[in-house]
Structure formats: structure tokens, C-alpha cells
């Protein structure tokens, strides 16, 4: 784990993720993050499946494939959160 960073919650509940963390996690403006809570902790996860949804719109994959991947991703995250 890298050095602990701080972020302040703004008046509308906004949080600015420090640049070092955004760079390390390859987060860009417009990226979608899934938000979970576990034991009073907030967990943010980049929703890389979103890129596949764009692929579906371009005809690169089917809607059924996207739905299956979303379901598998949800199951995997639930397993990780239970640990």
C-alpha cells in the first residue's frame, strides 16, 4: 500500500481523488466508479465493464455478452467484499 492520502468531502458530497491515486489507477475524467460500503468503509472500483458497453453499441459484442459480464463482475465483487 502506498502512502496514505487525504481527501475532503465538499458541500455537495464531492470528493477529489488525489492525482497520484488517479494516475496509479488510470482514472480519467468521465470514468465510471462503482461505490460499495463494507463495515463502515467506502470502496470505489473503476467500472471497466463500461468500456464493453461502448463496444456493444459499436457492434463489437452483444448485449447478452455485456449482461453476462456484468453479472459475473457483480458476483466476483460480492465474493471479494465478503472476505
PDB file of N, CA and C in Angstrom:
ATOM      1  N   UNK A   1       0.845  -1.181   0.000  1.00  0.00           N
ATOM      2  CA  UNK A   1       0.000   0.000   0.000  1.00  0.00           C
ATOM      3  C   UNK A   1       0.885   1.237   0.000  1.00  0.00           C
ATOM      4  N   UNK A   2       0.518   2.185  -0.813  1.00  0.00           N
ATOM      5  CA  UNK A   2       1.276   3.431  -0.905  1.00  0.00           C
ATOM      6  C   UNK A   2       0.920   4.347   0.260  1.00  0.00           C
ATOM      7  N   UNK A   3       1.619   5.468   0.312  1.00  0.00           N
ATOM      8  CA  UNK A   3       1.397   6.453   1.361  1.00  0.00           C
ATOM      9  C   UNK A   3      -0.069   6.883   1.416  1.00  0.00           C
ATOM     10  N   UNK A   4      -0.583   6.987   2.599  1.00  0.00           N
ATOM     11  CA  UNK A   4      -1.974   7.375   2.820  1.00  0.00           C
ATOM     12  C   UNK A   4      -2.208   8.804   2.346  1.00  0.00           C
ATOM     13  N   UNK A   5      -3.284   9.000   1.612  1.00  0.00           N
ATOM     14  CA  UNK A   5      -3.659  10.330   1.130  1.00  0.00           C
ATOM     15  C   UNK A   5      -4.959  10.748   1.800  1.00  0.00           C
ATOM     16  N   UNK A   6      -5.188  12.044   1.877  1.00  0.00           N
ATOM     17  CA  UNK A   6      -6.418  12.573   2.460  1.00  0.00           C
ATOM     18  C   UNK A   6      -7.252  13.233   1.373  1.00  0.00           C
ATOM     19  N   UNK A   7      -8.557  13.185   1.566  1.00  0.00           N
ATOM     20  CA  UNK A   7      -9.486  13.890   0.682  1.00  0.00           C
ATOM     21  C   UNK A   7     -10.582  14.470   1.556  1.00  0.00           C
ATOM     22  N   UNK A   8     -11.013  15.663   1.227  1.00  0.00           N
ATOM     23  CA  UNK A   8     -12.064  16.338   1.989  1.00  0.00           C
ATOM     24  C   UNK A   8     -13.382  16.203   1.233  1.00  0.00           C
ATOM     25  N   UNK A   9     -14.461  16.009   1.974  1.00  0.00           N
ATOM     26  CA  UNK A   9     -15.786  15.934   1.368  1.00  0.00           C
ATOM     27  C   UNK A   9     -16.317  17.352   1.210  1.00  0.00           C
ATOM     28  N   UNK A  10     -16.717  17.693  -0.020  1.00  0.00           N
ATOM     29  CA  UNK A  10     -17.242  19.024  -0.320  1.00  0.00           C
ATOM     30  C   UNK A  10     -18.692  19.168   0.109  1.00  0.00           C
ATOM     31  N   UNK A  11     -19.224  20.368  -0.073  1.00  0.00           N
ATOM     32  CA  UNK A  11     -20.577  20.675   0.391  1.00  0.00           C
ATOM     33  C   UNK A  11     -21.647  19.814  -0.271  1.00  0.00           C
ATOM     34  N   UNK A  12     -21.415  19.352  -1.480  1.00  0.00           N
ATOM     35  CA  UNK A  12     -22.392  18.510  -2.178  1.00  0.00           C
ATOM     36  C   UNK A  12     -22.007  17.035  -2.113  1.00  0.00           C
ATOM     37  N   UNK A  13     -21.098  16.686  -1.218  1.00  0.00           N
ATOM     38  CA  UNK A  13     -20.683  15.300  -1.072  1.00  0.00           C
ATOM     39  C   UNK A  13     -19.595  14.889  -2.047  1.00  0.00           C
ATOM     40  N   UNK A  14     -19.027  15.857  -2.756  1.00  0.00           N
ATOM     41  CA  UNK A  14     -17.987  15.532  -3.729  1.00  0.00           C
ATOM     42  C   UNK A  14     -16.657  15.257  -3.038  1.00  0.00           C
ATOM     43  N   UNK A  15     -15.900  14.347  -3.633  1.00  0.00           N
ATOM     44  CA  UNK A  15     -14.573  14.005  -3.136  1.00  0.00           C
ATOM     45  C   UNK A  15     -13.613  14.106  -4.313  1.00  0.00           C
ATOM     46  N   UNK A  16     -12.496  14.790  -4.122  1.00  0.00           N
ATOM     47  CA  UNK A  16     -11.469  14.850  -5.154  1.00  0.00           C
ATOM     48  C   UNK A  16     -10.445  13.766  -4.843  1.00  0.00           C
ATOM     49  N   UNK A  17     -10.275  12.844  -5.788  1.00  0.00           N
ATOM     50  CA  UNK A  17      -9.290  11.777  -5.623  1.00  0.00           C
ATOM     51  C   UNK A  17      -7.926  12.373  -5.954  1.00  0.00           C
ATOM     52  N   UNK A  18      -6.942  12.242  -5.057  1.00  0.00           N
ATOM     53  CA  UNK A  18      -5.623  12.830  -5.313  1.00  0.00           C
ATOM     54  C   UNK A  18      -5.033  12.353  -6.644  1.00  0.00           C
ATOM     55  N   UNK A  19      -4.309  13.256  -7.323  1.00  0.00           N
ATOM     56  CA  UNK A  19      -3.759  12.980  -8.644  1.00  0.00           C
ATOM     57  C   UNK A  19      -2.904  11.719  -8.655  1.00  0.00           C
ATOM     58  N   UNK A  20      -2.078  11.534  -7.639  1.00  0.00           N
ATOM     59  CA  UNK A  20      -1.205  10.356  -7.584  1.00  0.00           C
ATOM     60  C   UNK A  20      -2.028   9.062  -7.654  1.00  0.00           C
ATOM     61  N   UNK A  21      -3.145   9.039  -6.959  1.00  0.00           N
ATOM     62  CA  UNK A  21      -4.005   7.851  -6.965  1.00  0.00           C
ATOM     63  C   UNK A  21      -4.719   7.720  -8.304  1.00  0.00           C
ATOM     64  N   UNK A  22      -5.202   8.849  -8.857  1.00  0.00           N
ATOM     65  CA  UNK A  22      -5.847   8.797 -10.181  1.00  0.00           C
ATOM     66  C   UNK A  22      -4.887   8.248 -11.225  1.00  0.00           C
ATOM     67  N   UNK A  23      -3.637   8.708 -11.189  1.00  0.00           N
ATOM     68  CA  UNK A  23      -2.638   8.229 -12.147  1.00  0.00           C
ATOM     69  C   UNK A  23      -2.346   6.743 -11.945  1.00  0.00           C
ATOM     70  N   UNK A  24      -2.154   6.339 -10.693  1.00  0.00           N
ATOM     71  CA  UNK A  24      -1.842   4.942 -10.384  1.00  0.00           C
ATOM     72  C   UNK A  24      -2.964   4.004 -10.832  1.00  0.00           C
ATOM     73  N   UNK A  25      -4.203   4.450 -10.683  1.00  0.00           N
ATOM     74  CA  UNK A  25      -5.361   3.616 -11.023  1.00  0.00           C
ATOM     75  C   UNK A  25      -5.885   3.885 -12.433  1.00  0.00           C
ATOM     76  N   UNK A  26      -5.182   4.735 -13.171  1.00  0.00           N
ATOM     77  CA  UNK A  26      -5.564   5.075 -14.545  1.00  0.00           C
ATOM     78  C   UNK A  26      -7.000   5.607 -14.615  1.00  0.00           C
ATOM     79  N   UNK A  27      -7.330   6.495 -13.697  1.00  0.00           N
ATOM     80  CA  UNK A  27      -8.657   7.113 -13.673  1.00  0.00           C
ATOM     81  C   UNK A  27      -8.632   8.398 -14.482  1.00  0.00           C
ATOM     82  N   UNK A  28      -9.622   8.566 -15.320  1.00  0.00           N
ATOM     83  CA  UNK A  28      -9.726   9.747 -16.172  1.00  0.00           C
ATOM     84  C   UNK A  28     -11.097  10.398 -15.988  1.00  0.00           C
ATOM     85  N   UNK A  29     -11.196  11.662 -16.342  1.00  0.00           N
ATOM     86  CA  UNK A  29     -12.475  12.360 -16.278  1.00  0.00           C
ATOM     87  C   UNK A  29     -13.507  11.588 -17.094  1.00  0.00           C
ATOM     88  N   UNK A  30     -14.677  11.387 -16.502  1.00  0.00           N
ATOM     89  CA  UNK A  30     -15.750  10.664 -17.180  1.00  0.00           C
ATOM     90  C   UNK A  30     -15.786   9.177 -16.872  1.00  0.00           C
ATOM     91  N   UNK A  31     -14.724   8.639 -16.233  1.00  0.00           N
ATOM     92  CA  UNK A  31     -14.739   7.223 -15.854  1.00  0.00           C
ATOM     93  C   UNK A  31     -15.883   6.962 -14.886  1.00  0.00           C
ATOM     94  N   UNK A  32     -16.421   5.764 -14.942  1.00  0.00           N
ATOM     95  CA  UNK A  32     -17.488   5.352 -14.038  1.00  0.00           C
ATOM     96  C   UNK A  32     -16.869   4.550 -12.897  1.00  0.00           C
ATOM     97  N   UNK A  33     -17.248   4.883 -11.665  1.00  0.00           N
ATOM     98  CA  UNK A  33     -16.796   4.145 -10.490  1.00  0.00           C
ATOM     99  C   UNK A  33     -18.000   3.508  -9.817  1.00  0.00           C
ATOM    100  N   UNK A  34     -17.850   2.243  -9.427  1.00  0.00           N
ATOM    101  CA  UNK A  34     -18.873   1.607  -8.601  1.00  0.00           C
ATOM    102  C   UNK A  34     -18.527   1.913  -7.151  1.00  0.00           C
ATOM    103  N   UNK A  35     -19.552   2.142  -6.344  1.00  0.00           N
ATOM    104  CA  UNK A  35     -19.337   2.507  -4.943  1.00  0.00           C
ATOM    105  C   UNK A  35     -20.018   1.472  -4.059  1.00  0.00           C
ATOM    106  N   UNK A  36     -19.234   0.883  -3.154  1.00  0.00           N
ATOM    107  CA  UNK A  36     -19.740  -0.099  -2.200  1.00  0.00           C
ATOM    108  C   UNK A  36     -19.416   0.389  -0.795  1.00  0.00           C
ATOM    109  N   UNK A  37     -20.142  -0.111   0.174  1.00  0.00           N
ATOM    110  CA  UNK A  37     -19.749   0.090   1.566  1.00  0.00           C
ATOM    111  C   UNK A  37     -19.589  -1.278   2.202  1.00  0.00           C
ATOM    112  N   UNK A  38     -18.656  -1.362   3.125  1.00  0.00           N
ATOM    113  CA  UNK A  38     -18.410  -2.616   3.837  1.00  0.00           C
ATOM    114  C   UNK A  38     -17.839  -2.276   5.204  1.00  0.00           C
ATOM    115  N   UNK A  39     -18.583  -2.611   6.237  1.00  0.00           N
ATOM    116  CA  UNK A  39     -18.099  -2.370   7.593  1.00  0.00           C
ATOM    117  C   UNK A  39     -17.739  -0.916   7.859  1.00  0.00           C
ATOM    118  N   UNK A  40     -18.541   0.012   7.340  1.00  0.00           N
ATOM    119  CA  UNK A  40     -18.275   1.425   7.557  1.00  0.00           C
ATOM    120  C   UNK A  40     -17.196   2.005   6.659  1.00  0.00           C
ATOM    121  N   UNK A  41     -16.685   1.214   5.710  1.00  0.00           N
ATOM    122  CA  UNK A  41     -15.661   1.685   4.774  1.00  0.00           C
ATOM    123  C   UNK A  41     -16.288   1.895   3.401  1.00  0.00           C
ATOM    124  N   UNK A  42     -15.773   2.865   2.671  1.00  0.00           N
ATOM    125  CA  UNK A  42     -16.232   3.140   1.308  1.00  0.00           C
ATOM    126  C   UNK A  42     -15.224   2.529   0.348  1.00  0.00           C
ATOM    127  N   UNK A  43     -15.730   1.789  -0.628  1.00  0.00           N
ATOM    128  CA  UNK A  43     -14.878   1.138  -1.616  1.00  0.00           C
ATOM    129  C   UNK A  43     -15.273   1.656  -2.994  1.00  0.00           C
ATOM    130  N   UNK A  44     -14.311   2.207  -3.722  1.00  0.00           N
ATOM    131  CA  UNK A  44     -14.534   2.698  -5.080  1.00  0.00           C
ATOM    132  C   UNK A  44     -13.830   1.763  -6.053  1.00  0.00           C
ATOM    133  N   UNK A  45     -14.535   1.354  -7.097  1.00  0.00           N
ATOM    134  CA  UNK A  45     -13.977   0.435  -8.082  1.00  0.00           C
ATOM    135  C   UNK A  45     -14.252   0.976  -9.478  1.00  0.00           C
ATOM    136  N   UNK A  46     -13.204   1.075 -10.291  1.00  0.00           N
ATOM    137  CA  UNK A  46     -13.382   1.533 -11.670  1.00  0.00           C
ATOM    138  C   UNK A  46     -14.216   0.509 -12.422  1.00  0.00           C
ATOM    139  N   UNK A  47     -15.243   0.975 -13.080  1.00  0.00           N
ATOM    140  CA  UNK A  47     -16.158   0.088 -13.799  1.00  0.00           C
ATOM    141  C   UNK A  47     -15.667  -0.075 -15.231  1.00  0.00           C
ATOM    142  N   UNK A  48     -14.713  -0.993 -15.406  1.00  0.00           N
ATOM    143  CA  UNK A  48     -14.137  -1.208 -16.727  1.00  0.00           C
ATOM    144  C   UNK A  48     -15.117  -1.883 -17.671  1.00  0.00           C
ATOM    145  N   UNK A  49     -16.178  -2.449 -17.124  1.00  0.00           N
ATOM    146  CA  UNK A  49     -17.198  -3.065 -17.966  1.00  0.00           C
ATOM    147  C   UNK A  49     -17.857  -2.000 -18.841  1.00  0.00           C
ATOM    148  N   UNK A  50     -17.841  -0.748 -18.375  1.00  0.00           N
ATOM    149  CA  UNK A  50     -18.434   0.349 -19.142  1.00  0.00           C
ATOM    150  C   UNK A  50     -17.849   0.395 -20.553  1.00  0.00           C
ATOM    151  N   UNK A  51     -16.545   0.127 -20.675  1.00  0.00           N
ATOM    152  CA  UNK A  51     -15.907   0.131 -21.986  1.00  0.00           C
ATOM    153  C   UNK A  51     -16.530  -0.933 -22.878  1.00  0.00           C
ATOM    154  N   UNK A  52     -16.920  -2.070 -22.294  1.00  0.00           N
ATOM    155  CA  UNK A  52     -17.559  -3.127 -23.071  1.00  0.00           C
ATOM    156  C   UNK A  52     -18.945  -2.710 -23.542  1.00  0.00           C
ATOM    157  N   UNK A  53     -19.624  -1.894 -22.740  1.00  0.00           N
ATOM    158  CA  UNK A  53     -20.940  -1.417 -23.157  1.00  0.00           C
ATOM    159  C   UNK A  53     -20.793  -0.545 -24.403  1.00  0.00           C
ATOM    160  N   UNK A  54     -19.750   0.275 -24.426  1.00  0.00           N
ATOM    161  CA  UNK A  54     -19.487   1.068 -25.628  1.00  0.00           C
ATOM    162  C   UNK A  54     -19.200   0.152 -26.807  1.00  0.00           C
ATOM    163  N   UNK A  55     -18.478  -0.945 -26.551  1.00  0.00           N
ATOM    164  CA  UNK A  55     -18.200  -1.918 -27.607  1.00  0.00           C
ATOM    165  C   UNK A  55     -19.478  -2.535 -28.140  1.00  0.00           C
ATOM    166  N   UNK A  56     -20.445  -2.764 -27.255  1.00  0.00           N
ATOM    167  CA  UNK A  56     -21.740  -3.319 -27.660  1.00  0.00           C
ATOM    168  C   UNK A  56     -22.441  -2.350 -28.598  1.00  0.00           C
ATOM    169  N   UNK A  57     -22.386  -1.058 -28.268  1.00  0.00           N
ATOM    170  CA  UNK A  57     -23.033  -0.053 -29.111  1.00  0.00           C
ATOM    171  C   UNK A  57     -22.400  -0.004 -30.495  1.00  0.00           C
ATOM    172  N   UNK A  58     -21.111  -0.357 -30.564  1.00  0.00           N
ATOM    173  CA  UNK A  58     -20.415  -0.360 -31.848  1.00  0.00           C
ATOM    174  C   UNK A  58     -20.548  -1.708 -32.556  1.00  0.00           C
ATOM    175  N   UNK A  59     -21.251  -2.670 -31.937  1.00  0.00           N
ATOM    176  CA  UNK A  59     -21.427  -3.979 -32.549  1.00  0.00           C
ATOM    177  C   UNK A  59     -20.263  -4.927 -32.329  1.00  0.00           C
ATOM    178  N   UNK A  60     -19.342  -4.578 -31.406  1.00  0.00           N
ATOM    179  CA  UNK A  60     -18.187  -5.436 -31.163  1.00  0.00           C
ATOM    180  C   UNK A  60     -18.539  -6.633 -30.293  1.00  0.00           C
ATOM    181  N   UNK A  61     -19.496  -6.464 -29.381  1.00  0.00           N
ATOM    182  CA  UNK A  61     -20.001  -7.565 -28.565  1.00  0.00           C
ATOM    183  C   UNK A  61     -21.513  -7.409 -28.451  1.00  0.00           C
ATOM    184  N   UNK A  62     -22.183  -8.489 -28.060  1.00  0.00           N
ATOM    185  CA  UNK A  62     -23.645  -8.443 -27.979  1.00  0.00           C
ATOM    186  C   UNK A  62     -24.100  -7.947 -26.614  1.00  0.00           C
ATOM    187  N   UNK A  63     -25.344  -7.516 -26.547  1.00  0.00           N
ATOM    188  CA  UNK A  63     -25.927  -7.070 -25.275  1.00  0.00           C
ATOM    189  C   UNK A  63     -25.953  -8.217 -24.274  1.00  0.00           C
ATOM    190  N   UNK A  64     -26.212  -9.453 -24.744  1.00  0.00           N
ATOM    191  CA  UNK A  64     -26.212 -10.613 -23.848  1.00  0.00           C
ATOM    192  C   UNK A  64     -24.834 -10.836 -23.240  1.00  0.00           C
ATOM    193  N   UNK A  65     -23.780 -10.631 -24.030  1.00  0.00           N
ATOM    194  CA  UNK A  65     -22.419 -10.789 -23.512  1.00  0.00           C
ATOM    195  C   UNK A  65     -22.112  -9.730 -22.459  1.00  0.00           C
ATOM    196  N   UNK A  66     -22.571  -8.517 -22.687  1.00  0.00           N
ATOM    197  CA  UNK A  66     -22.371  -7.446 -21.705  1.00  0.00           C
ATOM    198  C   UNK A  66     -23.113  -7.773 -20.420  1.00  0.00           C
ATOM    199  N   UNK A  67     -24.368  -8.209 -20.535  1.00  0.00           N
ATOM    200  CA  UNK A  67     -25.160  -8.541 -19.347  1.00  0.00           C
ATOM    201  C   UNK A  67     -24.521  -9.680 -18.565  1.00  0.00           C
ATOM    202  N   UNK A  68     -24.032 -10.698 -19.270  1.00  0.00           N
ATOM    203  CA  UNK A  68     -23.374 -11.827 -18.607  1.00  0.00           C
ATOM    204  C   UNK A  68     -22.121 -11.351 -17.871  1.00  0.00           C
ATOM    205  N   UNK A  69     -21.337 -10.494 -18.517  1.00  0.00           N
ATOM    206  CA  UNK A  69     -20.124  -9.993 -17.882  1.00  0.00           C
ATOM    207  C   UNK A  69     -20.447  -9.131 -16.662  1.00  0.00           C
ATOM    208  N   UNK A  70     -21.490  -8.315 -16.752  1.00  0.00           N
ATOM    209  CA  UNK A  70     -21.906  -7.516 -15.594  1.00  0.00           C
ATOM    210  C   UNK A  70     -22.305  -8.406 -14.426  1.00  0.00           C
ATOM    211  N   UNK A  71     -23.065  -9.460 -14.708  1.00  0.00           N
ATOM    212  CA  UNK A  71     -23.477 -10.394 -13.657  1.00  0.00           C
ATOM    213  C   UNK A  71     -22.269 -11.070 -13.026  1.00  0.00           C
ATOM    214  N   UNK A  72     -21.327 -11.532 -13.853  1.00  0.00           N
ATOM    215  CA  UNK A  72     -20.123 -12.188 -13.340  1.00  0.00           C
ATOM    216  C   UNK A  72     -19.296 -11.220 -12.505  1.00  0.00           C
ATOM    217  N   UNK A  73     -19.211  -9.981 -12.957  1.00  0.00           N
ATOM    218  CA  UNK A  73     -18.456  -8.964 -12.230  1.00  0.00           C
ATOM    219  C   UNK A  73     -19.089  -8.687 -10.870  1.00  0.00           C
ATOM    220  N   UNK A  74     -20.416  -8.583 -10.827  1.00  0.00           N
ATOM    221  CA  UNK A  74     -21.118  -8.362  -9.555  1.00  0.00           C
ATOM    222  C   UNK A  74     -20.875  -9.506  -8.582  1.00  0.00           C
ATOM    223  N   UNK A  75     -20.938 -10.747  -9.067  1.00  0.00           N
ATOM    224  CA  UNK A  75     -20.702 -11.920  -8.221  1.00  0.00           C
ATOM    225  C   UNK A  75     -19.277 -11.907  -7.687  1.00  0.00           C
ATOM    226  N   UNK A  76     -18.312 -11.598  -8.555  1.00  0.00           N
ATOM    227  CA  UNK A  76     -16.905 -11.559  -8.133  1.00  0.00           C
ATOM    228  C   UNK A  76     -16.685 -10.503  -7.061  1.00  0.00           C
ATOM    229  N   UNK A  77     -17.300  -9.315  -7.223  1.00  0.00           N
ATOM    230  CA  UNK A  77     -17.128  -8.265  -6.227  1.00  0.00           C
ATOM    231  C   UNK A  77     -17.787  -8.630  -4.908  1.00  0.00           C
ATOM    232  N   UNK A  78     -18.934  -9.261  -4.962  1.00  0.00           N
ATOM    233  CA  UNK A  78     -19.592  -9.698  -3.725  1.00  0.00           C
ATOM    234  C   UNK A  78     -18.707 -10.686  -2.971  1.00  0.00           C
ATOM    235  N   UNK A  79     -18.061 -11.590  -3.688  1.00  0.00           N
ATOM    236  CA  UNK A  79     -17.147 -12.553  -3.044  1.00  0.00           C
ATOM    237  C   UNK A  79     -15.973 -11.838  -2.401  1.00  0.00           C
ATOM    238  N   UNK A  80     -15.395 -10.869  -3.106  1.00  0.00           N
ATOM    239  CA  UNK A  80     -14.253 -10.124  -2.565  1.00  0.00           C
ATOM    240  C   UNK A  80     -14.643  -9.339  -1.318  1.00  0.00           C
ATOM    241  N   UNK A  81     -15.840  -8.771  -1.333  1.00  0.00           N
ATOM    242  CA  UNK A  81     -16.275  -7.956  -0.200  1.00  0.00           C
ATOM    243  C   UNK A  81     -16.559  -8.795   1.037  1.00  0.00           C
ATOM    244  N   UNK A  82     -16.898 -10.056   0.846  1.00  0.00           N
ATOM    245  CA  UNK A  82     -17.187 -10.936   1.992  1.00  0.00           C
ATOM    246  C   UNK A  82     -15.931 -11.346   2.739  1.00  0.00           C
ATOM    247  N   UNK A  83     -14.774 -11.204   2.116  1.00  0.00           N
ATOM    248  CA  UNK A  83     -13.508 -11.635   2.747  1.00  0.00           C
ATOM    249  C   UNK A  83     -13.143 -10.763   3.910  1.00  0.00           C
TER     250      UNK A  83
END
